[in-house]
C-alpha atoms as a PDB file:
ATOM      1  CA  UNK A   1      -2.637  12.646   5.945  1.00  0.00           C
ATOM      2  CA  UNK A   2      -5.098   9.473   6.065  1.00  0.00           C
ATOM      3  CA  UNK A   3      -4.918   5.959   6.047  1.00  0.00           C
ATOM      4  CA  UNK A   4      -8.300   3.997   5.281  1.00  0.00           C
ATOM      5  CA  UNK A   5      -8.928   0.529   5.761  1.00  0.00           C
ATOM      6  CA  UNK A   6     -12.117  -0.948   4.105  1.00  0.00           C
ATOM      7  CA  UNK A   7     -12.565  -4.546   4.311  1.00  0.00           C
ATOM      8  CA  UNK A   8     -15.242  -6.496   2.344  1.00  0.00           C
ATOM      9  CA  UNK A   9     -15.806 -10.640   2.483  1.00  0.00           C
ATOM     10  CA  UNK A  10     -11.964 -11.671   2.138  1.00  0.00           C
ATOM     11  CA  UNK A  11     -10.408  -8.423   0.355  1.00  0.00           C
ATOM     12  CA  UNK A  12      -8.937  -5.645   1.516  1.00  0.00           C
ATOM     13  CA  UNK A  13      -8.708  -1.531   0.033  1.00  0.00           C
ATOM     14  CA  UNK A  14      -6.343   0.292   2.090  1.00  0.00           C
ATOM     15  CA  UNK A  15      -6.113   3.904   0.828  1.00  0.00           C
ATOM     16  CA  UNK A  16      -3.382   6.207   1.573  1.00  0.00           C
ATOM     17  CA  UNK A  17      -4.063  10.034   0.945  1.00  0.00           C
ATOM     18  CA  UNK A  18      -2.339  13.405   1.515  1.00  0.00           C
ATOM     19  CA  UNK A  19       1.611  12.580   3.009  1.00  0.00           C
ATOM     20  CA  UNK A  20       1.982   9.076   4.179  1.00  0.00           C
ATOM     21  CA  UNK A  21       5.346   9.576   5.854  1.00  0.00           C
ATOM     22  CA  UNK A  22       7.301   8.013   9.046  1.00  0.00           C
ATOM     23  CA  UNK A  23       4.702  10.030  10.860  1.00  0.00           C
ATOM     24  CA  UNK A  24       1.499   7.996   9.976  1.00  0.00           C
ATOM     25  CA  UNK A  25       3.871   4.230  10.073  1.00  0.00           C
ATOM     26  CA  UNK A  26       2.272   2.834  13.034  1.00  0.00           C
ATOM     27  CA  UNK A  27      -1.251   3.557  11.664  1.00  0.00           C
ATOM     28  CA  UNK A  28       0.379   2.022   8.202  1.00  0.00           C
ATOM     29  CA  UNK A  29       1.723  -1.090   9.594  1.00  0.00           C
ATOM     30  CA  UNK A  30      -1.372  -1.648  11.497  1.00  0.00           C
ATOM     31  CA  UNK A  31      -3.520  -1.326   8.260  1.00  0.00           C
ATOM     32  CA  UNK A  32      -1.414  -3.858   6.216  1.00  0.00           C
ATOM     33  CA  UNK A  33      -0.867  -6.599   9.101  1.00  0.00           C
ATOM     34  CA  UNK A  34      -4.860  -6.493   9.384  1.00  0.00           C
ATOM     35  CA  UNK A  35      -5.422  -6.506   5.516  1.00  0.00           C
ATOM     36  CA  UNK A  36      -3.170  -9.702   5.607  1.00  0.00           C
ATOM     37  CA  UNK A  37      -4.594 -11.583   8.692  1.00  0.00           C
ATOM     38  CA  UNK A  38      -7.977 -11.193   7.417  1.00  0.00           C
ATOM     39  CA  UNK A  39      -7.950 -11.143   3.573  1.00  0.00           C
ATOM     40  CA  UNK A  40      -7.381 -13.358  -0.026  1.00  0.00           C
ATOM     41  CA  UNK A  41      -6.760 -10.406  -1.761  1.00  0.00           C
ATOM     42  CA  UNK A  42      -5.167  -6.931  -0.828  1.00  0.00           C
ATOM     43  CA  UNK A  43      -5.568  -3.421  -2.585  1.00  0.00           C
ATOM     44  CA  UNK A  44      -3.090  -0.275  -1.459  1.00  0.00           C
ATOM     45  CA  UNK A  45      -4.354   2.466  -3.418  1.00  0.00           C
ATOM     46  CA  UNK A  46      -2.188   5.888  -3.596  1.00  0.00           C
ATOM     47  CA  UNK A  47      -4.059   7.443  -5.928  1.00  0.00           C
ATOM     48  CA  UNK A  48      -4.932  10.516  -3.558  1.00  0.00           C
ATOM     49  CA  UNK A  49      -1.487  10.281  -1.988  1.00  0.00           C
ATOM     50  CA  UNK A  50       0.280  14.082  -2.632  1.00  0.00           C
ATOM     51  CA  UNK A  51       3.581  12.290  -0.994  1.00  0.00           C
ATOM     52  CA  UNK A  52       5.091   8.835   0.368  1.00  0.00           C
ATOM     53  CA  UNK A  53       8.321   8.473   2.090  1.00  0.00           C
ATOM     54  CA  UNK A  54      10.810   5.733   2.425  1.00  0.00           C
ATOM     55  CA  UNK A  55       9.061   4.079   5.244  1.00  0.00           C
ATOM     56  CA  UNK A  56       5.648   4.278   3.500  1.00  0.00           C
ATOM     57  CA  UNK A  57       7.274   2.376   0.812  1.00  0.00           C
ATOM     58  CA  UNK A  58       9.366   0.084   2.800  1.00  0.00           C
ATOM     59  CA  UNK A  59       6.247  -1.233   4.926  1.00  0.00           C
ATOM     60  CA  UNK A  60       4.221  -1.309   1.200  1.00  0.00           C
ATOM     61  CA  UNK A  61       7.380  -3.474  -0.100  1.00  0.00           C
ATOM     62  CA  UNK A  62       7.206  -5.769   3.476  1.00  0.00           C
ATOM     63  CA  UNK A  63       3.865  -6.325   3.289  1.00  0.00           C
ATOM     64  CA  UNK A  64       3.440  -7.410  -0.421  1.00  0.00           C
ATOM     65  CA  UNK A  65       6.370  -9.993   0.511  1.00  0.00           C
ATOM     66  CA  UNK A  66       4.529 -11.131   3.397  1.00  0.00           C
ATOM     67  CA  UNK A  67       1.214 -11.490   1.412  1.00  0.00           C
ATOM     68  CA  UNK A  68       3.406 -13.752  -1.156  1.00  0.00           C
ATOM     69  CA  UNK A  69       4.372 -16.199   1.632  1.00  0.00           C
ATOM     70  CA  UNK A  70       0.661 -16.181   2.746  1.00  0.00           C
ATOM     71  CA  UNK A  71      -0.530 -16.601  -0.792  1.00  0.00           C
ATOM     72  CA  UNK A  72      -2.750 -13.549  -0.334  1.00  0.00           C
ATOM     73  CA  UNK A  73      -3.131 -11.247  -3.397  1.00  0.00           C
ATOM     74  CA  UNK A  74      -1.456  -7.476  -3.103  1.00  0.00           C
ATOM     75  CA  UNK A  75      -1.637  -5.143  -5.487  1.00  0.00           C
ATOM     76  CA  UNK A  76      -0.683  -1.235  -5.432  1.00  0.00           C
ATOM     77  CA  UNK A  77      -3.347   1.307  -7.252  1.00  0.00           C
ATOM     78  CA  UNK A  78      -1.181   3.851  -8.331  1.00  0.00           C
ATOM     79  CA  UNK A  79      -3.296   6.422 -10.870  1.00  0.00           C
ATOM     80  CA  UNK A  80      -0.996   8.858  -8.337  1.00  0.00           C
ATOM     81  CA  UNK A  81       0.343  12.417  -9.144  1.00  0.00           C
ATOM     82  CA  UNK A  82       3.194  12.122 -11.137  1.00  0.00           C
ATOM     83  CA  UNK A  83       5.643  13.026  -8.297  1.00  0.00           C
ATOM     84  CA  UNK A  84       4.300  10.042  -6.638  1.00  0.00           C
ATOM     85  CA  UNK A  85       4.595   7.446  -9.653  1.00  0.00           C
ATOM     86  CA  UNK A  86       8.156   8.954 -10.312  1.00  0.00           C
ATOM     87  CA  UNK A  87       9.061   8.036  -6.916  1.00  0.00           C
ATOM     88  CA  UNK A  88       7.430   4.759  -7.022  1.00  0.00           C
ATOM     89  CA  UNK A  89       8.965   3.870 -10.536  1.00  0.00           C
ATOM     90  CA  UNK A  90      12.441   4.570  -8.921  1.00  0.00           C
ATOM     91  CA  UNK A  91      12.098   2.507  -5.937  1.00  0.00           C
ATOM     92  CA  UNK A  92      12.082  -1.088  -7.986  1.00  0.00           C
ATOM     93  CA  UNK A  93       8.778  -1.856  -7.002  1.00  0.00           C
ATOM     94  CA  UNK A  94       8.111  -3.479 -10.212  1.00  0.00           C
ATOM     95  CA  UNK A  95       7.574  -6.812  -8.603  1.00  0.00           C
ATOM     96  CA  UNK A  96       4.531  -5.459  -7.489  1.00  0.00           C
ATOM     97  CA  UNK A  97       0.805  -5.940  -9.329  1.00  0.00           C
ATOM     98  CA  UNK A  98       0.021  -2.527 -10.588  1.00  0.00           C
ATOM     99  CA  UNK A  99      -3.051  -1.201 -11.464  1.00  0.00           C
ATOM    100  CA  UNK A 100      -3.847   1.936 -12.947  1.00  0.00           C
END
């Protein structure tokens, strides 16, 4: 499991790796809040995620909502394993900008 936050200028890239579940919630929340605080654009990559649980998805959804309120761009990059893609599609997160 890993959460990496990279920042350049006014954009942030958060990479999720492995299993991202409730045990990573505090770390994910901190990364998302930091990205919203400093950026004009946020990308969350789940390309290396093996599994996301509902806690991770709730945090991503809440961050996307907060970013919109603050006029911060937010996109989810999800060229991920089929299990993660199916889970994301079934959650109704279709309002997010999705990047392949």
